[in-house]
Structure formats: C-alpha cells, structure tokens
C-alpha cells in the first residue's frame, strides 16, 4: 500500500514523502519542482544534497541544491539556469503527487513533475512536462537531470552491438564536449558499456553523450543500484547535442544522469512531456567491470 504524508524535509516544511514500504520518494513544495530523495525506505539517498542549500528558498540565482529536476536543452547559460527557488503547487491525487512550478519570469515556461509509485517493489514513474506560457513560440527539448550522491559510478549501455561486415550502418553517436578528456581515469569503456566514476577529490568536469532507442542510465552506490529508463520516440537527428538521448556528467560534487527528449517548437499554450521510469536494486557488486560481469549484474534488472 502506498502512503503519502506531509513532512518537514531538511528545513522545507512543505514536503511530501511517498512510500510503499520498499522505497520512498520525497518532493518539496518550497522550491522546484524537485525530487530531493529516492532510495530504499530508511536507507541511503541515491541523490546528492548540498547541505548548505537545504531548507532555503527565494535565492535570486539558480542553486544546484541537489536531487532531480527539469531543464530545457540545448543548454543556455541563462535560460537553462532559470531559478527554481520559489514555492511549488503540490497536489495529491490518490497515489500520485503532482508538483507544478510557477511560470518562470525568465523564460515564460511552466515545469511540472508527476510522481507515480508501484504498489510494491521499487518502481517509480515520473512524467515531466514543460508548458509554454509565453506569447511567442519556444524551441526546446526537455532535459531531465538527476544529481547522484558522491562516491559511486555511473553506467550507460550502448545500443545492441554487432559485427563487421554484417552491420555497416552506424548505431549511435558518442558525443564529446570541449572539456571531455577520454584519457581521464574515471572513464571505463567496453564493447557494450560506458562507465564514469564520481571522485570527490577530482575537480575536473567530464561529460559524454549518446543515443539509445531504449535509453537507460544507472548509478552504483555502496552496493545499491539506481536505474532510470527513457524510451526514445524519434531518430537521433531529432534530438539535441548531435543526437543525444542520454548524457553523463561529473565533477567533484556530483555525477548527473541525464535524459533528453526530441527538439520541438511549442506554440503559446502548448506543452511537451517526457517520462522516466526508476528502479532500485540491492546487493549489486562489480569488480572487473568487464562486459561479462556487467551483463550478469545488469541485464536481469533491465
């Protein structure tokens, strides 16, 4: 049975916890929309929390803060970083929580996250919506970012691999940024997988992006695995950043698992939605990080 209750979370008095006894999700109505916690009930939070920013509201500039949020792509140094520091409208509909942010003064966009939890197990579905409340069309892609806690490792799976000359067409882009260093020891590359370690003592940012029709990203933290999935609805050409449905970024503070929707032009009043599905898994251990080991650990969970 799912229980939803209003709580004070880290100084935000208007917060809500949803739990089915196995896992729990916490959203706050004081800033956002943001999901600030996901994890096993009473266990570790998979998500990063910036301790000095917890419980605070009303800042003039965007705050990293932590947790899970909705942005817009392609990344814009001003518009993507529109502050989300004001109160959010929270509505509970049965076993769902709907979190709707105020219309952003900077962009004219309204962002919403609806959280649904399975009655048992660890499954959570999140529907993210971006609505154009302005007077002019807006060209954007939904960009969904999850800040993971320090000290773990992110994992991404490529589309199905094949052999030459049986498969001659390219299968996916692998996109770099100007600050991407492929010789950074935090990266692990194999035939089927891409992995990136989060190191609190390494201040150099790293990022790569890719496309997968069945997009997924995972984060291994202290023997527990967080998985998020997104089903692509178009070919790579429709997506931002040279065709990315998935991007992974790290610095000393966080590792981000990011999914992206296709680029679209929203007329005034129109909206676009983007759905992710989450799960959590215990007792996942990796030692050699080979394809064989990753297959054995991940495929039964995917």
Protein backbone atom coordinates (compact mmCIF):
# COMPACT_ATOMS: atom_id res chain seq x y z
CA UNK A 1 0.00 0.00 0.00
CA UNK A 2 1.25 3.47 -0.86
CA UNK A 3 1.39 6.08 1.90
CA UNK A 4 1.74 9.81 1.19
CA UNK A 5 2.38 12.17 4.08
CA UNK A 6 3.38 15.80 4.53
CA UNK A 7 6.72 16.19 6.33
CA UNK A 8 9.47 18.68 7.10
CA UNK A 9 12.45 17.66 4.96
CA UNK A 10 15.81 19.25 5.76
CA UNK A 11 14.12 22.52 6.75
CA UNK A 12 11.50 22.58 3.99
CA UNK A 13 8.26 22.34 5.96
CA UNK A 14 6.08 21.82 2.88
CA UNK A 15 7.46 18.49 1.71
CA UNK A 16 5.79 15.19 0.91
CA UNK A 17 7.03 11.63 1.34
CA UNK A 18 5.62 8.81 -0.80
CA UNK A 19 6.43 5.23 0.21
CA UNK A 20 5.20 1.72 -0.48
CA UNK A 21 7.30 0.31 2.36
CA UNK A 22 10.09 -0.77 -0.01
CA UNK A 23 11.22 2.58 -1.44
CA UNK A 24 10.44 6.21 -0.74
CA UNK A 25 10.39 9.47 -2.70
CA UNK A 26 10.45 12.98 -1.21
CA UNK A 27 9.38 16.11 -3.08
CA UNK A 28 9.29 19.62 -1.68
CA UNK A 29 6.74 22.34 -2.27
CA UNK A 30 9.06 25.10 -1.10
CA UNK A 31 11.27 25.13 -4.22
CA UNK A 32 11.39 23.34 -7.53
CA UNK A 33 9.79 21.31 -8.84
CA UNK A 34 12.42 18.94 -7.45
CA UNK A 35 12.52 15.36 -6.24
CA UNK A 36 15.00 15.53 -3.38
CA UNK A 37 15.13 11.91 -2.29
CA UNK A 38 14.79 8.42 -3.74
CA UNK A 39 16.03 5.31 -2.02
CA UNK A 40 15.08 2.26 -0.04
CA UNK A 41 12.85 3.14 2.90
CA UNK A 42 15.11 4.24 5.74
CA UNK A 43 18.24 3.74 3.63
CA UNK A 44 20.69 5.93 1.77
CA UNK A 45 19.56 8.67 -0.58
CA UNK A 46 20.82 7.97 -4.09
CA UNK A 47 20.66 11.72 -4.77
CA UNK A 48 23.14 14.44 -3.91
CA UNK A 49 22.07 17.05 -1.36
CA UNK A 50 24.04 20.29 -1.00
CA UNK A 51 23.85 20.64 2.78
CA UNK A 52 24.27 24.43 2.83
CA UNK A 53 21.33 24.89 0.45
CA UNK A 54 18.82 22.64 2.20
CA UNK A 55 15.77 24.39 3.65
CA UNK A 56 16.48 27.66 1.85
CA UNK A 57 14.24 29.49 -0.60
CA UNK A 58 14.00 32.69 -2.59
CA UNK A 59 17.57 32.98 -3.83
CA UNK A 60 18.00 35.33 -6.81
CA UNK A 61 20.13 32.88 -8.79
CA UNK A 62 19.80 29.20 -9.67
CA UNK A 63 21.01 26.85 -6.92
CA UNK A 64 22.46 23.37 -7.56
CA UNK A 65 20.70 22.17 -4.39
CA UNK A 66 20.72 18.51 -5.50
CA UNK A 67 18.02 16.00 -6.36
CA UNK A 68 16.15 15.61 -9.64
CA UNK A 69 14.88 18.43 -11.86
CA UNK A 70 13.57 19.54 -15.27
CA UNK A 71 15.62 21.76 -17.57
CA UNK A 72 15.49 22.76 -21.23
CA UNK A 73 18.03 21.96 -23.93
CA UNK A 74 20.12 22.93 -25.80
CA UNK A 75 21.97 24.25 -22.77
CA UNK A 76 21.78 28.02 -22.46
CA UNK A 77 23.89 29.77 -19.85
CA UNK A 78 20.91 31.99 -18.95
CA UNK A 79 17.63 30.28 -19.85
CA UNK A 80 18.54 26.73 -18.83
CA UNK A 81 19.58 28.11 -15.44
CA UNK A 82 16.31 29.91 -14.71
CA UNK A 83 15.97 29.95 -10.90
CA UNK A 84 13.59 27.41 -9.34
CA UNK A 85 13.70 28.84 -5.83
CA UNK A 86 10.01 29.72 -5.37
CA UNK A 87 7.10 27.69 -3.90
CA UNK A 88 5.63 24.86 -5.96
CA UNK A 89 1.98 23.85 -6.11
CA UNK A 90 1.63 20.30 -4.75
CA UNK A 91 -1.50 18.26 -5.45
CA UNK A 92 -2.07 14.70 -4.27
CA UNK A 93 -4.40 12.68 -6.48
CA UNK A 94 -4.89 9.24 -4.99
CA UNK A 95 -1.47 7.57 -5.23
CA UNK A 96 0.11 10.37 -7.33
CA UNK A 97 1.90 13.59 -6.42
CA UNK A 98 1.79 16.46 -8.92
CA UNK A 99 4.37 19.24 -8.49
CA UNK A 100 3.85 22.37 -10.60
CA UNK A 101 6.30 25.24 -10.52
CA UNK A 102 5.39 28.87 -11.09
CA UNK A 103 5.78 30.30 -14.59
CA UNK A 104 9.41 31.33 -14.96
CA UNK A 105 9.78 35.07 -15.40
CA UNK A 106 12.95 34.49 -17.43
CA UNK A 107 11.51 32.02 -19.96
CA UNK A 108 7.72 32.06 -19.70
CA UNK A 109 7.82 28.28 -19.14
CA UNK A 110 5.94 26.24 -16.55
CA UNK A 111 7.54 22.97 -15.39
CA UNK A 112 5.74 20.06 -13.75
CA UNK A 113 6.73 16.66 -12.33
CA UNK A 114 4.11 13.99 -11.61
CA UNK A 115 5.30 11.08 -9.47
CA UNK A 116 3.64 7.66 -9.52
CA UNK A 117 4.85 4.69 -7.44
CA UNK A 118 4.20 0.98 -7.89
CA UNK A 119 2.19 -0.57 -5.00
CA UNK A 120 5.12 -2.93 -4.34
CA UNK A 121 8.74 -3.18 -5.40
CA UNK A 122 10.92 -0.20 -6.29
CA UNK A 123 9.30 1.09 -9.48
CA UNK A 124 8.56 4.81 -9.84
CA UNK A 125 7.26 6.60 -12.93
CA UNK A 126 7.89 10.32 -13.39
CA UNK A 127 6.12 12.40 -16.02
CA UNK A 128 7.88 15.69 -16.71
CA UNK A 129 6.02 18.47 -18.52
CA UNK A 130 7.17 21.79 -19.92
CA UNK A 131 4.44 24.25 -20.96
CA UNK A 132 4.94 27.44 -22.95
CA UNK A 133 3.01 30.12 -21.08
CA UNK A 134 4.57 32.93 -23.08
CA UNK A 135 3.30 34.85 -26.10
CA UNK A 136 5.83 33.53 -28.65
CA UNK A 137 6.78 30.04 -29.89
CA UNK A 138 9.62 28.39 -27.95
CA UNK A 139 12.09 25.89 -29.48
CA UNK A 140 13.39 23.44 -26.88
CA UNK A 141 13.89 19.86 -25.78
CA UNK A 142 13.01 18.55 -22.31
CA UNK A 143 16.19 17.80 -20.41
CA UNK A 144 15.82 15.70 -17.25
CA UNK A 145 18.75 15.70 -14.82
CA UNK A 146 19.36 13.57 -11.72
CA UNK A 147 22.23 14.56 -9.39
CA UNK A 148 23.67 11.45 -7.81
CA UNK A 149 25.47 11.38 -4.46
CA UNK A 150 29.25 11.34 -4.31
CA UNK A 151 31.43 8.26 -4.40
CA UNK A 152 29.60 5.99 -6.85
CA UNK A 153 29.84 5.17 -10.56
CA UNK A 154 27.52 5.91 -13.46
CA UNK A 155 26.86 3.28 -16.16
CA UNK A 156 25.28 3.59 -19.60
CA UNK A 157 24.51 0.86 -22.10
CA UNK A 158 25.06 1.27 -25.84
CA UNK A 159 22.54 0.04 -28.43
CA UNK A 160 22.98 -3.62 -29.48
CA UNK A 161 26.44 -4.33 -30.84
CA UNK A 162 27.21 -6.32 -33.99
CA UNK A 163 29.98 -7.45 -36.32
CA UNK A 164 31.64 -6.23 -39.49
CA UNK A 165 30.73 -6.52 -42.36
CA UNK A 166 27.28 -7.73 -41.31
CA UNK A 167 26.39 -4.34 -39.76
CA UNK A 168 27.74 -1.44 -41.81
CA UNK A 169 25.49 1.42 -40.67
CA UNK A 170 26.42 3.45 -37.56
CA UNK A 171 24.46 2.52 -34.46
CA UNK A 172 24.73 5.66 -32.31
CA UNK A 173 26.62 8.92 -31.78
CA UNK A 174 29.13 9.27 -28.96
CA UNK A 175 29.25 13.00 -28.28
CA UNK A 176 32.09 14.93 -26.67
CA UNK A 177 32.32 18.37 -25.08
CA UNK A 178 35.35 20.64 -25.26
CA UNK A 179 36.25 19.65 -21.68
CA UNK A 180 35.89 15.90 -22.34
CA UNK A 181 39.18 14.04 -21.79
CA UNK A 182 38.97 10.42 -22.88
CA UNK A 183 42.20 9.64 -21.05
CA UNK A 184 40.66 10.59 -17.68
CA UNK A 185 40.91 7.53 -15.43
CA UNK A 186 37.31 7.96 -14.24
CA UNK A 187 36.11 6.66 -17.63
CA UNK A 188 35.68 2.95 -18.34
CA UNK A 189 34.93 1.84 -21.89
CA UNK A 190 33.93 -1.62 -23.06
CA UNK A 191 32.24 -3.12 -26.11
CA UNK A 192 28.74 -2.73 -24.62
CA UNK A 193 29.04 -0.17 -21.83
CA UNK A 194 30.30 3.23 -20.82
CA UNK A 195 31.03 3.93 -17.14
CA UNK A 196 32.17 7.03 -15.26
CA UNK A 197 33.35 7.19 -11.67
CA UNK A 198 32.46 10.03 -9.30
CA UNK A 199 35.53 11.25 -7.40
CA UNK A 200 35.02 13.94 -4.72
CA UNK A 201 38.70 14.82 -4.99
CA UNK A 202 38.83 15.37 -8.75
CA UNK A 203 37.67 18.86 -9.72
CA UNK A 204 37.94 18.38 -13.50
CA UNK A 205 34.47 18.06 -15.09
CA UNK A 206 33.81 15.30 -17.58
CA UNK A 207 30.89 14.60 -19.92
CA UNK A 208 29.84 12.32 -22.77
CA UNK A 209 26.54 11.81 -24.56
CA UNK A 210 24.99 9.04 -26.64
CA UNK A 211 21.78 7.81 -28.26
CA UNK A 212 19.90 4.62 -27.50
CA UNK A 213 16.34 3.89 -28.58
CA UNK A 214 15.92 2.16 -25.20
CA UNK A 215 17.87 4.70 -23.15
CA UNK A 216 18.99 3.84 -19.66
CA UNK A 217 21.50 5.06 -17.12
CA UNK A 218 22.46 3.53 -13.77
CA UNK A 219 24.39 4.57 -10.68
CA UNK A 220 26.12 2.13 -8.34
CA UNK A 221 26.46 3.49 -4.79
CA UNK A 222 27.55 1.39 -1.82
CA UNK A 223 26.26 -1.86 -3.30
CA UNK A 224 22.89 -0.43 -4.36
CA UNK A 225 21.98 0.36 -7.96
CA UNK A 226 19.70 3.15 -9.19
CA UNK A 227 18.36 2.75 -12.75
CA UNK A 228 16.47 5.29 -14.84
CA UNK A 229 14.97 4.49 -18.27
CA UNK A 230 13.58 6.53 -21.15
CA UNK A 231 12.11 5.27 -24.42
CA UNK A 232 13.24 7.42 -27.35
CA UNK A 233 10.41 8.48 -29.63
CA UNK A 234 12.45 9.54 -32.68
CA UNK A 235 15.73 9.01 -34.52
CA UNK A 236 18.95 10.71 -33.36
CA UNK A 237 18.54 13.61 -35.79
CA UNK A 238 15.55 14.85 -33.77
CA UNK A 239 17.50 15.16 -30.51
CA UNK A 240 19.77 17.98 -29.27
CA UNK A 241 23.54 17.86 -28.81
CA UNK A 242 24.25 15.96 -32.06
CA UNK A 243 21.55 13.39 -31.35
CA UNK A 244 21.79 12.57 -27.62
CA UNK A 245 19.07 10.87 -25.60
CA UNK A 246 21.48 10.33 -22.70
CA UNK A 247 24.31 12.35 -21.18
CA UNK A 248 26.52 11.71 -18.16
CA UNK A 249 28.41 14.48 -16.36
CA UNK A 250 30.58 14.58 -13.29
CA UNK A 251 32.60 17.00 -11.20
CA UNK A 252 33.84 16.87 -7.61
CA UNK A 253 30.33 17.39 -6.19
CA UNK A 254 28.04 15.15 -8.23
CA UNK A 255 27.50 12.74 -11.06
CA UNK A 256 24.49 13.51 -13.24
CA UNK A 257 22.44 11.01 -15.22
CA UNK A 258 20.58 12.99 -17.87
CA UNK A 259 17.93 12.02 -20.43
CA UNK A 260 16.74 14.27 -23.24
CA UNK A 261 13.60 14.44 -25.35
CA UNK A 262 13.47 15.48 -29.01
CA UNK A 263 13.61 19.11 -30.04
CA UNK A 264 10.20 20.65 -30.54
CA UNK A 265 8.66 24.08 -31.06
CA UNK A 266 5.94 24.84 -28.54
CA UNK A 267 3.31 27.35 -29.60
CA UNK A 268 1.88 29.51 -26.80
CA UNK A 269 -0.15 27.26 -24.52
CA UNK A 270 1.38 24.02 -25.81
CA UNK A 271 3.33 21.56 -23.68
CA UNK A 272 5.66 18.60 -24.11
CA UNK A 273 6.04 15.61 -21.77
CA UNK A 274 8.93 13.25 -21.04
CA UNK A 275 8.59 10.05 -18.99
CA UNK A 276 11.29 8.31 -16.96
CA UNK A 277 10.95 5.06 -15.04
CA UNK A 278 13.12 4.40 -11.99
CA UNK A 279 14.05 1.30 -10.05
CA UNK A 280 16.42 0.43 -7.20
CA UNK A 281 18.29 -2.81 -6.57
CA UNK A 282 20.24 -4.17 -3.60
CA UNK A 283 23.42 -6.21 -3.38
CA UNK A 284 24.94 -5.25 -6.74
CA UNK A 285 28.71 -5.70 -6.77
CA UNK A 286 31.15 -5.06 -9.61
CA UNK A 287 34.86 -5.88 -9.55
CA UNK A 288 36.34 -6.23 -13.03
CA UNK A 289 33.80 -4.10 -14.95
CA UNK A 290 34.03 -6.41 -17.97
CA UNK A 291 31.12 -6.90 -20.37
CA UNK A 292 30.56 -10.37 -18.92
CA UNK A 293 30.35 -9.08 -15.36
CA UNK A 294 28.20 -6.10 -16.33
CA UNK A 295 25.86 -8.33 -18.31
CA UNK A 296 25.43 -10.66 -15.36
CA UNK A 297 24.74 -7.79 -12.94
CA UNK A 298 22.62 -5.52 -15.13
CA UNK A 299 20.69 -7.49 -17.74
CA UNK A 300 18.38 -9.23 -15.22
CA UNK A 301 17.50 -5.78 -13.85
CA UNK A 302 16.86 -4.13 -17.22
